[in-house]
Protein backbone atom coordinates (compact mmCIF):
# COMPACT_ATOMS: atom_id res chain seq x y z
CA MET A 1 -15.64 49.54 10.98
CA ASP A 2 -12.03 50.23 11.38
CA ALA A 3 -9.76 48.20 8.89
CA PRO A 4 -7.84 45.84 10.89
CA SER A 5 -10.69 44.79 12.80
CA SER A 6 -13.36 44.72 9.87
CA THR A 7 -10.71 42.22 7.80
CA ALA A 8 -9.47 40.28 10.89
CA GLY A 9 -13.54 39.79 11.29
CA VAL A 10 -13.71 38.53 7.31
CA VAL A 11 -11.10 36.13 7.99
CA LEU A 12 -12.47 35.00 11.24
CA ALA A 13 -16.35 34.45 10.45
CA ARG A 14 -15.29 31.50 8.15
CA PHE A 15 -14.84 29.38 11.36
CA ILE A 16 -18.01 30.49 13.08
CA GLU A 17 -21.37 28.73 11.78
CA GLY A 18 -23.84 31.79 11.08
CA MET A 19 -21.33 34.43 10.82
CA ARG A 20 -20.20 33.02 7.69
CA GLN A 21 -23.42 33.51 5.88
CA ALA A 22 -23.49 36.83 7.24
CA ASN A 23 -20.39 37.92 6.63
CA GLY A 24 -20.86 39.61 3.42
CA ILE A 25 -23.84 41.67 4.64
CA ILE A 26 -22.40 42.69 7.39
CA ALA A 27 -19.17 43.88 5.50
CA GLY A 28 -21.29 45.26 2.76
CA SER A 29 -23.41 47.37 5.87
CA SER A 30 -20.30 48.46 7.19
CA GLY A 31 -18.95 49.98 4.28
CA MET A 32 -15.78 47.85 3.49
CA PRO A 33 -15.01 48.04 -0.30
CA TRP A 34 -16.07 44.94 -1.89
CA LEU A 35 -12.36 44.06 -3.53
CA ARG A 36 -11.05 44.46 0.05
CA PHE A 37 -13.61 41.95 1.24
CA ARG A 38 -13.25 39.66 -1.73
CA VAL A 39 -9.34 39.00 -0.92
CA PHE A 40 -9.99 38.85 2.95
CA ASN A 41 -12.97 36.45 2.50
CA ALA A 42 -10.50 34.21 0.12
CA LEU A 43 -8.06 33.93 2.75
CA GLY A 44 -10.41 33.10 5.07
CA ALA A 45 -11.44 30.23 3.06
CA ALA A 46 -7.68 29.34 2.43
CA PHE A 47 -7.35 28.82 5.91
CA TRP A 48 -10.56 26.87 6.83
CA VAL A 49 -10.17 24.73 3.72
CA GLY A 50 -6.12 24.38 5.29
CA LEU A 51 -7.49 23.72 8.62
CA TRP A 52 -10.02 20.80 7.53
CA ALA A 53 -7.59 19.13 5.24
CA THR A 54 -4.63 18.78 8.08
CA LEU A 55 -6.92 17.81 10.08
CA ALA A 56 -8.29 14.85 8.12
CA TYR A 57 -4.67 14.37 6.57
CA ARG A 58 -3.38 13.66 10.16
CA ARG A 59 -6.05 11.45 11.60
CA ALA A 60 -5.87 9.37 8.42
CA MET A 61 -2.29 8.68 9.03
CA ARG A 62 -3.15 7.70 12.64
CA HIS A 63 -5.46 5.49 11.70
CA PRO A 64 -4.33 1.59 11.18
CA THR A 65 -6.53 0.80 8.37
CA GLY A 66 -7.13 4.13 6.86
CA LEU A 67 -6.02 5.63 3.24
CA CYS A 68 -2.40 5.55 4.31
CA SER A 69 -2.28 2.23 5.81
CA ASP A 70 0.42 1.50 3.00
CA ARG A 71 3.17 3.55 5.07
CA LEU A 72 3.09 0.70 7.85
CA ARG A 73 4.01 -1.85 5.47
């Protein structure tokens, strides 16, 4: 597995159910160095958390009785 596609695969695997669990096995089987895997797995996790936190925040800001209802006063 070449470096650009394998690192992108590790990051994107966070967003695909099933691939997230198999991510480490596939990376290890393909010979990806563990440090590179850890860095890009952490980067993928940060993107994943950022996406869901942003979506939740935007949803809460639109809901009139949500957690952010005091901004409408």
